[in-house]
Amino acid sequence: MENIIRVAIDGPSGAGKSTIAKAVAKKLGIDYIDTGAMYRAVGYKTLVCGVDPQDRQALKNMLEKTSIDFSKGNIILDGEIINDQIRTPQIAKKASECSALADVRQKLVQLQRQMGQEKSVIMDGRDIGSNVLTDAEYKFFMTASAEERAKRRYDELTEKGQDITYDQVLEDIQKRDHSDMTRELNPLRKADDALEVDTTGMSIEDVTNYILKEIER
């Protein structure tokens, strides 16, 4: 069997994890697994199906009939591409709520670990290096100031035509940070053996090249 490598990228919301992970995956020719999108997919499905995430039995029944896959840069939920549907503030809040639930995490972590056993992957999220792929060959913890992360997210949302203010985005970022870092189950934290990368003031190309050099070393 050819050598499998696993790259874990963790960090708070808006640190640029997904953008960098996609760029690194393309350079290395490996699959990018967007774990945040997986939680968004579950949050999206609870809304579409009218399932209260706090109703454990209803949630478990839904999860049993849920399939999530990635293909050619698309996220596929139960056979349907849902790239655009899951990129809204409403779904982000649902994703955060669902990510704190043990049944959801168990289901998705199982899928993520299975992917990491079968092929070379790069994953980004909140607890990849500290929980999902604890034996990953390469671990990075990306961060940036809350103000810079809010500006990036604000620019991204307004470019897509969403009517939102910078202050709203900053407040959402700060609330999300607090929620992610204080949740009881696998909170956001830097794995002991992860390399911290502060992306404040760095371009996408700078960060990508830095991570590629670390992997090549």
N, C-alpha and C. Protein backbone atom coordinates (compact mmCIF):
# COMPACT_ATOMS: atom_id res chain seq x y z
N MET A 1 0.86 -1.20 0.00
CA MET A 1 0.00 0.00 0.00
C MET A 1 0.88 1.24 0.00
N GLU A 2 0.55 2.20 -0.84
CA GLU A 2 1.36 3.41 -0.91
C GLU A 2 1.26 4.19 0.40
N ASN A 3 2.27 5.01 0.67
CA ASN A 3 2.31 5.76 1.91
C ASN A 3 1.14 6.74 1.99
N ILE A 4 0.46 6.72 3.12
CA ILE A 4 -0.65 7.64 3.36
C ILE A 4 -0.16 8.74 4.29
N ILE A 5 -0.47 10.00 3.95
CA ILE A 5 -0.15 11.10 4.86
C ILE A 5 -1.45 11.81 5.24
N ARG A 6 -1.50 12.21 6.50
CA ARG A 6 -2.65 12.96 7.00
C ARG A 6 -2.17 14.31 7.50
N VAL A 7 -2.82 15.37 7.05
CA VAL A 7 -2.50 16.73 7.47
C VAL A 7 -3.70 17.29 8.22
N ALA A 8 -3.48 17.73 9.45
CA ALA A 8 -4.56 18.30 10.28
C ALA A 8 -4.34 19.80 10.44
N ILE A 9 -5.36 20.59 10.13
CA ILE A 9 -5.29 22.04 10.32
C ILE A 9 -6.45 22.47 11.22
N ASP A 10 -6.13 22.98 12.39
CA ASP A 10 -7.15 23.45 13.32
C ASP A 10 -7.03 24.96 13.51
N GLY A 11 -8.07 25.53 14.11
CA GLY A 11 -8.03 26.96 14.39
C GLY A 11 -9.43 27.54 14.50
N PRO A 12 -9.54 28.78 14.96
CA PRO A 12 -10.85 29.41 15.13
C PRO A 12 -11.49 29.80 13.81
N SER A 13 -12.76 30.18 13.89
CA SER A 13 -13.52 30.60 12.71
C SER A 13 -12.86 31.80 12.03
N GLY A 14 -12.73 31.74 10.71
CA GLY A 14 -12.20 32.87 9.95
C GLY A 14 -10.69 32.95 9.89
N ALA A 15 -9.99 31.92 10.38
CA ALA A 15 -8.52 31.95 10.36
C ALA A 15 -7.96 31.64 8.98
N GLY A 16 -8.82 31.19 8.07
CA GLY A 16 -8.37 30.87 6.71
C GLY A 16 -8.05 29.40 6.52
N LYS A 17 -8.49 28.56 7.44
CA LYS A 17 -8.15 27.13 7.40
C LYS A 17 -8.59 26.48 6.09
N SER A 18 -9.84 26.70 5.71
CA SER A 18 -10.39 26.03 4.52
C SER A 18 -9.65 26.46 3.26
N THR A 19 -9.42 27.76 3.13
CA THR A 19 -8.74 28.28 1.94
C THR A 19 -7.34 27.68 1.82
N ILE A 20 -6.61 27.65 2.93
CA ILE A 20 -5.25 27.12 2.93
C ILE A 20 -5.25 25.61 2.70
N ALA A 21 -6.18 24.92 3.38
CA ALA A 21 -6.24 23.46 3.23
C ALA A 21 -6.51 23.06 1.78
N LYS A 22 -7.41 23.79 1.12
CA LYS A 22 -7.70 23.50 -0.29
C LYS A 22 -6.47 23.72 -1.16
N ALA A 23 -5.74 24.81 -0.90
CA ALA A 23 -4.55 25.13 -1.69
C ALA A 23 -3.46 24.08 -1.49
N VAL A 24 -3.26 23.67 -0.24
CA VAL A 24 -2.24 22.66 0.07
C VAL A 24 -2.63 21.31 -0.54
N ALA A 25 -3.91 20.96 -0.45
CA ALA A 25 -4.40 19.70 -1.03
C ALA A 25 -4.12 19.66 -2.53
N LYS A 26 -4.38 20.78 -3.19
CA LYS A 26 -4.16 20.85 -4.64
C LYS A 26 -2.68 20.68 -4.98
N LYS A 27 -1.81 21.33 -4.20
CA LYS A 27 -0.36 21.24 -4.45
C LYS A 27 0.16 19.83 -4.21
N LEU A 28 -0.38 19.16 -3.17
CA LEU A 28 0.09 17.82 -2.82
C LEU A 28 -0.62 16.71 -3.59
N GLY A 29 -1.74 17.08 -4.24
CA GLY A 29 -2.51 16.08 -4.98
C GLY A 29 -3.23 15.10 -4.07
N ILE A 30 -3.74 15.61 -2.91
CA ILE A 30 -4.48 14.75 -1.99
C ILE A 30 -5.88 15.31 -1.78
N ASP A 31 -6.75 14.55 -1.14
CA ASP A 31 -8.14 14.96 -0.96
C ASP A 31 -8.29 15.92 0.21
N TYR A 32 -9.07 16.97 -0.02
CA TYR A 32 -9.41 17.92 1.04
C TYR A 32 -10.75 17.55 1.64
N ILE A 33 -10.78 17.33 2.96
CA ILE A 33 -12.02 16.99 3.67
C ILE A 33 -12.42 18.19 4.53
N ASP A 34 -13.48 18.86 4.15
CA ASP A 34 -13.95 20.05 4.86
C ASP A 34 -14.87 19.61 6.00
N THR A 35 -14.28 19.41 7.19
CA THR A 35 -15.07 18.90 8.31
C THR A 35 -16.11 19.92 8.79
N GLY A 36 -15.77 21.20 8.69
CA GLY A 36 -16.74 22.22 9.06
C GLY A 36 -17.98 22.14 8.20
N ALA A 37 -17.76 21.86 6.91
CA ALA A 37 -18.89 21.72 5.99
C ALA A 37 -19.74 20.51 6.34
N MET A 38 -19.12 19.48 6.92
CA MET A 38 -19.88 18.30 7.33
C MET A 38 -20.85 18.66 8.46
N TYR A 39 -20.38 19.47 9.41
CA TYR A 39 -21.27 19.91 10.50
C TYR A 39 -22.34 20.86 9.97
N ARG A 40 -21.95 21.69 9.01
CA ARG A 40 -22.94 22.58 8.39
C ARG A 40 -24.01 21.75 7.67
N ALA A 41 -23.57 20.67 7.04
CA ALA A 41 -24.51 19.81 6.32
C ALA A 41 -25.53 19.20 7.27
N VAL A 42 -25.06 18.78 8.45
CA VAL A 42 -25.98 18.22 9.44
C VAL A 42 -26.94 19.31 9.94
N GLY A 43 -26.38 20.51 10.21
CA GLY A 43 -27.23 21.63 10.64
C GLY A 43 -28.27 21.98 9.60
N TYR A 44 -27.85 21.98 8.34
CA TYR A 44 -28.76 22.27 7.22
C TYR A 44 -29.87 21.22 7.15
N LYS A 45 -29.49 19.96 7.34
CA LYS A 45 -30.49 18.88 7.24
C LYS A 45 -31.50 18.96 8.37
N THR A 46 -31.07 19.37 9.57
CA THR A 46 -32.03 19.50 10.68
C THR A 46 -33.08 20.55 10.35
N LEU A 47 -32.65 21.62 9.68
CA LEU A 47 -33.60 22.68 9.29
C LEU A 47 -34.56 22.18 8.22
N VAL A 48 -34.00 21.55 7.19
CA VAL A 48 -34.82 21.07 6.07
C VAL A 48 -35.82 20.02 6.53
N CYS A 49 -35.37 19.14 7.43
CA CYS A 49 -36.23 18.04 7.89
C CYS A 49 -37.08 18.42 9.10
N GLY A 50 -36.87 19.64 9.63
CA GLY A 50 -37.63 20.06 10.79
C GLY A 50 -37.30 19.27 12.05
N VAL A 51 -36.05 18.86 12.17
CA VAL A 51 -35.62 18.08 13.34
C VAL A 51 -34.99 19.01 14.38
N ASP A 52 -35.48 18.93 15.60
CA ASP A 52 -34.90 19.69 16.70
C ASP A 52 -33.63 18.96 17.15
N PRO A 53 -32.45 19.60 17.03
CA PRO A 53 -31.21 18.93 17.42
C PRO A 53 -31.21 18.46 18.88
N GLN A 54 -32.04 19.08 19.71
CA GLN A 54 -32.10 18.68 21.12
C GLN A 54 -33.00 17.46 21.36
N ASP A 55 -33.74 17.05 20.31
CA ASP A 55 -34.56 15.84 20.39
C ASP A 55 -33.66 14.68 19.98
N ARG A 56 -33.05 14.04 20.97
CA ARG A 56 -31.98 13.07 20.68
C ARG A 56 -32.44 11.92 19.79
N GLN A 57 -33.60 11.36 20.04
CA GLN A 57 -34.06 10.21 19.25
C GLN A 57 -34.30 10.61 17.80
N ALA A 58 -34.95 11.76 17.60
CA ALA A 58 -35.20 12.24 16.24
C ALA A 58 -33.88 12.50 15.52
N LEU A 59 -32.92 13.07 16.26
CA LEU A 59 -31.60 13.36 15.67
C LEU A 59 -30.89 12.07 15.28
N LYS A 60 -30.91 11.08 16.18
CA LYS A 60 -30.25 9.80 15.88
C LYS A 60 -30.88 9.12 14.67
N ASN A 61 -32.21 9.18 14.57
CA ASN A 61 -32.89 8.60 13.42
C ASN A 61 -32.46 9.29 12.12
N MET A 62 -32.32 10.62 12.19
CA MET A 62 -31.89 11.38 11.01
C MET A 62 -30.46 11.01 10.62
N LEU A 63 -29.57 10.93 11.62
CA LEU A 63 -28.16 10.63 11.35
C LEU A 63 -27.96 9.25 10.73
N GLU A 64 -28.79 8.30 11.14
CA GLU A 64 -28.69 6.95 10.59
C GLU A 64 -28.94 6.94 9.08
N LYS A 65 -29.75 7.89 8.63
CA LYS A 65 -30.10 7.95 7.20
C LYS A 65 -29.34 9.06 6.48
N THR A 66 -28.21 9.48 7.06
CA THR A 66 -27.46 10.60 6.49
C THR A 66 -26.13 10.11 5.89
N SER A 67 -25.89 10.50 4.64
CA SER A 67 -24.60 10.23 4.01
C SER A 67 -23.98 11.55 3.58
N ILE A 68 -22.67 11.69 3.83
CA ILE A 68 -21.94 12.90 3.45
C ILE A 68 -20.68 12.48 2.72
N ASP A 69 -20.44 13.10 1.57
CA ASP A 69 -19.26 12.74 0.78
C ASP A 69 -18.69 14.00 0.13
N PHE A 70 -17.45 13.88 -0.36
CA PHE A 70 -16.79 14.97 -1.07
C PHE A 70 -16.34 14.47 -2.43
N SER A 71 -16.58 15.27 -3.47
CA SER A 71 -16.16 14.89 -4.82
C SER A 71 -15.92 16.14 -5.65
N LYS A 72 -14.71 16.25 -6.19
CA LYS A 72 -14.36 17.36 -7.09
C LYS A 72 -14.66 18.72 -6.46
N GLY A 73 -14.37 18.85 -5.17
CA GLY A 73 -14.57 20.12 -4.49
C GLY A 73 -15.98 20.38 -4.03
N ASN A 74 -16.88 19.42 -4.26
CA ASN A 74 -18.27 19.58 -3.84
C ASN A 74 -18.54 18.79 -2.57
N ILE A 75 -19.46 19.30 -1.73
CA ILE A 75 -19.95 18.50 -0.60
C ILE A 75 -21.31 17.98 -0.98
N ILE A 76 -21.49 16.68 -0.77
CA ILE A 76 -22.71 16.01 -1.21
C ILE A 76 -23.43 15.42 0.00
N LEU A 77 -24.64 15.88 0.24
CA LEU A 77 -25.47 15.40 1.34
C LEU A 77 -26.60 14.55 0.75
N ASP A 78 -26.59 13.28 1.10
CA ASP A 78 -27.64 12.36 0.62
C ASP A 78 -27.81 12.45 -0.90
N GLY A 79 -26.69 12.53 -1.60
CA GLY A 79 -26.71 12.55 -3.07
C GLY A 79 -26.91 13.91 -3.71
N GLU A 80 -27.08 14.96 -2.90
CA GLU A 80 -27.33 16.31 -3.44
C GLU A 80 -26.18 17.25 -3.10
N ILE A 81 -25.70 17.99 -4.10
CA ILE A 81 -24.65 18.99 -3.87
C ILE A 81 -25.27 20.18 -3.15
N ILE A 82 -24.65 20.56 -2.01
CA ILE A 82 -25.25 21.62 -1.17
C ILE A 82 -24.24 22.73 -0.85
N ASN A 83 -23.29 22.96 -1.75
CA ASN A 83 -22.23 23.95 -1.50
C ASN A 83 -22.76 25.30 -1.04
N ASP A 84 -23.69 25.86 -1.78
CA ASP A 84 -24.17 27.23 -1.51
C ASP A 84 -25.16 27.28 -0.35
N GLN A 85 -25.97 26.25 -0.21
CA GLN A 85 -27.02 26.26 0.82
C GLN A 85 -26.47 26.34 2.24
N ILE A 86 -25.25 25.85 2.45
CA ILE A 86 -24.72 25.76 3.82
C ILE A 86 -23.83 26.94 4.21
N ARG A 87 -23.64 27.91 3.34
CA ARG A 87 -22.74 29.03 3.62
C ARG A 87 -23.50 30.29 4.04
N THR A 88 -24.34 30.17 5.04
CA THR A 88 -25.08 31.33 5.55
C THR A 88 -24.88 31.42 7.07
N PRO A 89 -25.03 32.62 7.64
CA PRO A 89 -24.90 32.76 9.10
C PRO A 89 -25.86 31.86 9.87
N GLN A 90 -27.08 31.66 9.35
CA GLN A 90 -28.06 30.81 10.01
C GLN A 90 -27.56 29.37 10.11
N ILE A 91 -26.98 28.87 9.03
CA ILE A 91 -26.45 27.50 9.03
C ILE A 91 -25.20 27.40 9.89
N ALA A 92 -24.40 28.47 9.93
CA ALA A 92 -23.20 28.49 10.78
C ALA A 92 -23.59 28.30 12.24
N LYS A 93 -24.67 28.97 12.67
CA LYS A 93 -25.13 28.83 14.05
C LYS A 93 -25.66 27.43 14.32
N LYS A 94 -26.37 26.86 13.35
CA LYS A 94 -26.88 25.50 13.48
C LYS A 94 -25.72 24.50 13.56
N ALA A 95 -24.68 24.76 12.76
CA ALA A 95 -23.51 23.88 12.75
C ALA A 95 -22.82 23.90 14.11
N SER A 96 -22.71 25.08 14.70
CA SER A 96 -22.09 25.22 16.02
C SER A 96 -22.91 24.47 17.07
N GLU A 97 -24.23 24.57 16.97
CA GLU A 97 -25.12 23.88 17.91
C GLU A 97 -24.97 22.36 17.76
N CYS A 98 -24.96 21.91 16.51
CA CYS A 98 -24.87 20.46 16.25
C CYS A 98 -23.50 19.90 16.63
N SER A 99 -22.46 20.71 16.47
CA SER A 99 -21.11 20.22 16.74
C SER A 99 -20.88 19.96 18.22
N ALA A 100 -21.74 20.50 19.07
CA ALA A 100 -21.62 20.28 20.52
C ALA A 100 -22.35 19.02 20.97
N LEU A 101 -23.03 18.34 20.04
CA LEU A 101 -23.83 17.16 20.39
C LEU A 101 -23.03 15.88 20.15
N ALA A 102 -23.00 15.03 21.16
CA ALA A 102 -22.19 13.81 21.11
C ALA A 102 -22.56 12.90 19.94
N ASP A 103 -23.85 12.75 19.67
CA ASP A 103 -24.28 11.85 18.59
C ASP A 103 -23.79 12.33 17.22
N VAL A 104 -23.85 13.63 17.01
CA VAL A 104 -23.39 14.20 15.74
C VAL A 104 -21.89 14.01 15.60
N ARG A 105 -21.15 14.35 16.65
CA ARG A 105 -19.68 14.25 16.59
C ARG A 105 -19.25 12.80 16.38
N GLN A 106 -19.91 11.88 17.07
CA GLN A 106 -19.55 10.47 16.93
C GLN A 106 -19.73 10.00 15.49
N LYS A 107 -20.83 10.37 14.89
CA LYS A 107 -21.12 9.96 13.51
C LYS A 107 -20.09 10.55 12.54
N LEU A 108 -19.82 11.85 12.67
CA LEU A 108 -18.93 12.50 11.70
C LEU A 108 -17.47 12.15 11.93
N VAL A 109 -17.06 12.02 13.19
CA VAL A 109 -15.67 11.62 13.47
C VAL A 109 -15.40 10.23 12.93
N GLN A 110 -16.38 9.35 13.06
CA GLN A 110 -16.24 8.00 12.50
C GLN A 110 -16.00 8.06 10.99
N LEU A 111 -16.76 8.90 10.29
CA LEU A 111 -16.59 9.06 8.84
C LEU A 111 -15.23 9.66 8.50
N GLN A 112 -14.81 10.66 9.30
CA GLN A 112 -13.54 11.34 9.05
C GLN A 112 -12.35 10.42 9.27
N ARG A 113 -12.37 9.64 10.34
CA ARG A 113 -11.27 8.71 10.62
C ARG A 113 -11.18 7.64 9.53
N GLN A 114 -12.34 7.21 9.06
CA GLN A 114 -12.37 6.20 8.00
C GLN A 114 -11.70 6.74 6.74
N MET A 115 -11.99 7.99 6.40
CA MET A 115 -11.35 8.62 5.23
C MET A 115 -9.84 8.65 5.42
N GLY A 116 -9.40 9.00 6.65
CA GLY A 116 -7.97 9.11 6.93
C GLY A 116 -7.24 7.78 6.90
N GLN A 117 -7.97 6.69 7.06
CA GLN A 117 -7.35 5.37 7.00
C GLN A 117 -7.23 4.88 5.56
N GLU A 118 -8.12 5.36 4.71
CA GLU A 118 -8.20 4.83 3.35
C GLU A 118 -7.33 5.57 2.34
N LYS A 119 -7.02 6.85 2.62
CA LYS A 119 -6.29 7.64 1.62
C LYS A 119 -5.61 8.83 2.27
N SER A 120 -4.72 9.46 1.52
CA SER A 120 -4.06 10.68 1.99
C SER A 120 -5.07 11.82 1.99
N VAL A 121 -5.14 12.54 3.12
CA VAL A 121 -6.14 13.60 3.24
C VAL A 121 -5.56 14.80 3.99
N ILE A 122 -6.19 15.94 3.77
CA ILE A 122 -5.96 17.10 4.61
C ILE A 122 -7.32 17.52 5.15
N MET A 123 -7.41 17.69 6.46
CA MET A 123 -8.67 18.06 7.11
C MET A 123 -8.47 19.33 7.91
N ASP A 124 -9.50 20.17 7.94
CA ASP A 124 -9.45 21.34 8.80
C ASP A 124 -10.69 21.37 9.67
N GLY A 125 -10.53 21.92 10.87
CA GLY A 125 -11.65 21.99 11.79
C GLY A 125 -11.24 22.60 13.11
N ARG A 126 -11.88 22.13 14.18
CA ARG A 126 -11.61 22.65 15.52
C ARG A 126 -10.80 21.67 16.37
N ASP A 127 -10.95 20.36 16.07
CA ASP A 127 -10.30 19.35 16.92
C ASP A 127 -9.73 18.19 16.10
N ILE A 128 -9.23 18.49 14.92
CA ILE A 128 -8.70 17.43 14.06
C ILE A 128 -7.43 16.82 14.68
N GLY A 129 -6.47 17.68 15.00
CA GLY A 129 -5.21 17.19 15.55
C GLY A 129 -5.33 16.68 16.97
N SER A 130 -6.28 17.25 17.74
CA SER A 130 -6.40 16.89 19.15
C SER A 130 -7.35 15.73 19.40
N ASN A 131 -8.19 15.38 18.39
CA ASN A 131 -9.19 14.34 18.62
C ASN A 131 -9.42 13.41 17.43
N VAL A 132 -9.63 13.97 16.25
CA VAL A 132 -10.03 13.15 15.10
C VAL A 132 -8.86 12.33 14.55
N LEU A 133 -7.78 13.03 14.17
CA LEU A 133 -6.59 12.36 13.63
C LEU A 133 -5.41 12.63 14.56
N THR A 134 -5.46 12.00 15.73
CA THR A 134 -4.40 12.25 16.73
C THR A 134 -3.04 11.76 16.27
N ASP A 135 -3.03 10.82 15.30
CA ASP A 135 -1.77 10.29 14.79
C ASP A 135 -1.40 10.88 13.43
N ALA A 136 -1.99 12.02 13.08
CA ALA A 136 -1.67 12.67 11.80
C ALA A 136 -0.18 12.99 11.73
N GLU A 137 0.39 12.82 10.55
CA GLU A 137 1.82 13.07 10.37
C GLU A 137 2.16 14.55 10.50
N TYR A 138 1.21 15.41 10.12
CA TYR A 138 1.46 16.86 10.16
C TYR A 138 0.27 17.57 10.79
N LYS A 139 0.56 18.42 11.78
CA LYS A 139 -0.50 19.16 12.47
C LYS A 139 -0.15 20.65 12.53
N PHE A 140 -1.15 21.47 12.20
CA PHE A 140 -0.97 22.92 12.25
C PHE A 140 -2.15 23.55 12.98
N PHE A 141 -1.88 24.63 13.72
CA PHE A 141 -2.94 25.39 14.38
C PHE A 141 -2.86 26.82 13.86
N MET A 142 -3.84 27.18 13.01
CA MET A 142 -3.86 28.50 12.38
C MET A 142 -4.70 29.47 13.19
N THR A 143 -4.18 30.68 13.37
CA THR A 143 -4.94 31.69 14.09
C THR A 143 -4.70 33.06 13.47
N ALA A 144 -5.45 34.04 13.93
CA ALA A 144 -5.30 35.44 13.51
C ALA A 144 -6.15 36.25 14.48
N SER A 145 -5.91 37.55 14.53
CA SER A 145 -6.70 38.38 15.44
C SER A 145 -8.18 38.32 15.06
N ALA A 146 -9.05 38.51 16.05
CA ALA A 146 -10.50 38.48 15.80
C ALA A 146 -10.89 39.55 14.78
N GLU A 147 -10.22 40.72 14.85
CA GLU A 147 -10.53 41.82 13.93
C GLU A 147 -10.19 41.44 12.49
N GLU A 148 -9.03 40.81 12.32
CA GLU A 148 -8.64 40.42 10.96
C GLU A 148 -9.54 39.32 10.43
N ARG A 149 -9.89 38.38 11.28
CA ARG A 149 -10.78 37.29 10.84
C ARG A 149 -12.16 37.82 10.49
N ALA A 150 -12.64 38.81 11.26
CA ALA A 150 -13.94 39.41 10.98
C ALA A 150 -13.91 40.16 9.64
N LYS A 151 -12.81 40.85 9.38
CA LYS A 151 -12.70 41.59 8.11
C LYS A 151 -12.71 40.63 6.92
N ARG A 152 -11.99 39.52 7.05
CA ARG A 152 -11.97 38.52 5.97
C ARG A 152 -13.38 37.98 5.72
N ARG A 153 -14.07 37.62 6.79
CA ARG A 153 -15.41 37.05 6.65
C ARG A 153 -16.40 38.09 6.12
N TYR A 154 -16.26 39.34 6.60
CA TYR A 154 -17.13 40.42 6.13
C TYR A 154 -16.96 40.63 4.62
N ASP A 155 -15.70 40.69 4.16
CA ASP A 155 -15.42 40.87 2.73
C ASP A 155 -16.01 39.72 1.91
N GLU A 156 -15.88 38.52 2.45
CA GLU A 156 -16.38 37.33 1.76
C GLU A 156 -17.90 37.37 1.63
N LEU A 157 -18.59 37.74 2.71
CA LEU A 157 -20.05 37.76 2.70
C LEU A 157 -20.63 38.89 1.84
N THR A 158 -20.01 40.08 1.94
CA THR A 158 -20.52 41.20 1.15
C THR A 158 -20.27 40.98 -0.34
N GLU A 159 -19.17 40.29 -0.65
CA GLU A 159 -18.88 39.97 -2.06
C GLU A 159 -19.97 39.06 -2.64
N LYS A 160 -20.57 38.26 -1.75
CA LYS A 160 -21.65 37.36 -2.18
C LYS A 160 -23.01 38.04 -2.13
N GLY A 161 -23.01 39.34 -1.79
CA GLY A 161 -24.24 40.11 -1.82
C GLY A 161 -25.04 40.09 -0.53
N GLN A 162 -24.47 39.59 0.56
CA GLN A 162 -25.20 39.55 1.83
C GLN A 162 -25.18 40.92 2.50
N ASP A 163 -26.33 41.32 3.03
CA ASP A 163 -26.46 42.61 3.69
C ASP A 163 -26.12 42.45 5.17
N ILE A 164 -24.89 42.82 5.53
CA ILE A 164 -24.41 42.61 6.90
C ILE A 164 -23.35 43.65 7.21
N THR A 165 -23.19 44.00 8.48
CA THR A 165 -22.18 45.00 8.86
C THR A 165 -20.96 44.30 9.45
N TYR A 166 -19.83 45.02 9.42
CA TYR A 166 -18.59 44.49 9.99
C TYR A 166 -18.77 44.18 11.47
N ASP A 167 -19.45 45.07 12.19
CA ASP A 167 -19.65 44.87 13.63
C ASP A 167 -20.44 43.60 13.92
N GLN A 168 -21.42 43.29 13.08
CA GLN A 168 -22.20 42.06 13.24
C GLN A 168 -21.31 40.83 13.07
N VAL A 169 -20.46 40.91 12.05
CA VAL A 169 -19.56 39.78 11.77
C VAL A 169 -18.56 39.59 12.91
N LEU A 170 -18.01 40.70 13.41
CA LEU A 170 -17.05 40.64 14.53
C LEU A 170 -17.71 40.03 15.76
N GLU A 171 -18.95 40.46 16.03
CA GLU A 171 -19.67 39.92 17.19
C GLU A 171 -19.91 38.42 17.03
N ASP A 172 -20.29 38.01 15.81
CA ASP A 172 -20.50 36.58 15.53
C ASP A 172 -19.22 35.78 15.74
N ILE A 173 -18.10 36.34 15.26
CA ILE A 173 -16.79 35.68 15.40
C ILE A 173 -16.45 35.50 16.88
N GLN A 174 -16.64 36.56 17.66
CA GLN A 174 -16.30 36.50 19.09
C GLN A 174 -17.19 35.51 19.84
N LYS A 175 -18.49 35.48 19.49
CA LYS A 175 -19.40 34.52 20.12
C LYS A 175 -19.03 33.09 19.73
N ARG A 176 -18.68 32.91 18.46
CA ARG A 176 -18.30 31.57 17.98
C ARG A 176 -17.03 31.10 18.67
N ASP A 177 -16.05 32.00 18.84
CA ASP A 177 -14.81 31.65 19.54
C ASP A 177 -15.11 31.15 20.95
N HIS A 178 -15.95 31.92 21.65
CA HIS A 178 -16.28 31.56 23.04
C HIS A 178 -16.98 30.21 23.10
N SER A 179 -17.93 30.01 22.18
CA SER A 179 -18.68 28.76 22.13
C SER A 179 -17.76 27.58 21.82
N ASP A 180 -16.86 27.76 20.85
CA ASP A 180 -15.97 26.67 20.44
C ASP A 180 -14.95 26.32 21.52
N MET A 181 -14.48 27.32 22.24
CA MET A 181 -13.42 27.10 23.23
C MET A 181 -13.96 26.61 24.58
N THR A 182 -15.24 26.86 24.85
CA THR A 182 -15.79 26.49 26.16
C THR A 182 -16.75 25.32 26.11
N ARG A 183 -17.02 24.78 24.91
CA ARG A 183 -17.94 23.65 24.84
C ARG A 183 -17.33 22.45 25.58
N GLU A 184 -18.21 21.64 26.12
CA GLU A 184 -17.77 20.52 26.97
C GLU A 184 -17.08 19.43 26.16
N LEU A 185 -17.55 19.20 24.94
CA LEU A 185 -17.07 18.08 24.14
C LEU A 185 -16.01 18.54 23.13
N ASN A 186 -14.77 18.06 23.29
CA ASN A 186 -13.68 18.38 22.37
C ASN A 186 -13.63 19.85 21.98
N PRO A 187 -13.37 20.74 22.92
CA PRO A 187 -13.31 22.17 22.60
C PRO A 187 -12.14 22.51 21.70
N LEU A 188 -12.23 23.68 21.08
CA LEU A 188 -11.15 24.18 20.23
C LEU A 188 -9.89 24.36 21.08
N ARG A 189 -8.82 23.68 20.69
CA ARG A 189 -7.54 23.89 21.36
C ARG A 189 -6.41 23.41 20.45
N LYS A 190 -5.24 23.92 20.70
CA LYS A 190 -4.06 23.53 19.91
C LYS A 190 -3.54 22.19 20.44
N ALA A 191 -3.37 21.22 19.55
CA ALA A 191 -2.78 19.94 19.95
C ALA A 191 -1.35 20.19 20.41
N ASP A 192 -0.89 19.40 21.38
CA ASP A 192 0.45 19.60 21.95
C ASP A 192 1.55 19.53 20.89
N ASP A 193 1.36 18.69 19.86
CA ASP A 193 2.40 18.53 18.85
C ASP A 193 2.10 19.29 17.56
N ALA A 194 1.18 20.27 17.62
CA ALA A 194 0.85 21.07 16.44
C ALA A 194 1.74 22.31 16.35
N LEU A 195 2.03 22.73 15.14
CA LEU A 195 2.80 23.95 14.90
C LEU A 195 1.83 25.12 14.74
N GLU A 196 1.98 26.17 15.57
CA GLU A 196 1.07 27.32 15.49
C GLU A 196 1.50 28.27 14.39
N VAL A 197 0.53 28.72 13.59
CA VAL A 197 0.78 29.64 12.49
C VAL A 197 -0.15 30.83 12.62
N ASP A 198 0.39 32.00 12.98
CA ASP A 198 -0.41 33.22 13.07
C ASP A 198 -0.45 33.86 11.68
N THR A 199 -1.64 33.86 11.07
CA THR A 199 -1.77 34.33 9.68
C THR A 199 -2.08 35.82 9.57
N THR A 200 -2.10 36.53 10.70
CA THR A 200 -2.37 37.97 10.66
C THR A 200 -1.34 38.65 9.77
N GLY A 201 -1.81 39.35 8.74
CA GLY A 201 -0.91 40.07 7.84
C GLY A 201 -0.27 39.21 6.77
N MET A 202 -0.55 37.91 6.75
CA MET A 202 0.03 37.01 5.74
C MET A 202 -0.96 36.79 4.60
N SER A 203 -0.42 36.66 3.40
CA SER A 203 -1.28 36.36 2.25
C SER A 203 -1.54 34.86 2.20
N ILE A 204 -2.53 34.48 1.40
CA ILE A 204 -2.85 33.05 1.22
C ILE A 204 -1.64 32.31 0.69
N GLU A 205 -0.95 32.92 -0.26
CA GLU A 205 0.23 32.29 -0.85
C GLU A 205 1.34 32.10 0.18
N ASP A 206 1.54 33.11 1.04
CA ASP A 206 2.56 33.03 2.08
C ASP A 206 2.30 31.85 3.02
N VAL A 207 1.06 31.74 3.48
CA VAL A 207 0.71 30.68 4.43
C VAL A 207 0.81 29.30 3.77
N THR A 208 0.32 29.21 2.54
CA THR A 208 0.38 27.93 1.80
C THR A 208 1.81 27.47 1.65
N ASN A 209 2.68 28.38 1.22
CA ASN A 209 4.09 28.03 1.01
C ASN A 209 4.77 27.64 2.32
N TYR A 210 4.42 28.33 3.40
CA TYR A 210 5.00 28.03 4.71
C TYR A 210 4.64 26.60 5.13
N ILE A 211 3.37 26.23 4.98
CA ILE A 211 2.93 24.89 5.38
C ILE A 211 3.54 23.83 4.48
N LEU A 212 3.61 24.10 3.18
CA LEU A 212 4.22 23.13 2.24
C LEU A 212 5.68 22.89 2.58
N LYS A 213 6.40 23.95 2.95
CA LYS A 213 7.81 23.80 3.31
C LYS A 213 7.97 22.96 4.57
N GLU A 214 7.07 23.16 5.54
CA GLU A 214 7.12 22.36 6.77
C GLU A 214 6.87 20.89 6.48
N ILE A 215 5.92 20.62 5.58
CA ILE A 215 5.61 19.24 5.21
C ILE A 215 6.79 18.62 4.46
N GLU A 216 7.40 19.38 3.56
CA GLU A 216 8.53 18.87 2.77
C GLU A 216 9.75 18.59 3.63
N ARG A 217 9.87 19.33 4.76
CA ARG A 217 11.00 19.11 5.66
C ARG A 217 10.94 17.72 6.29
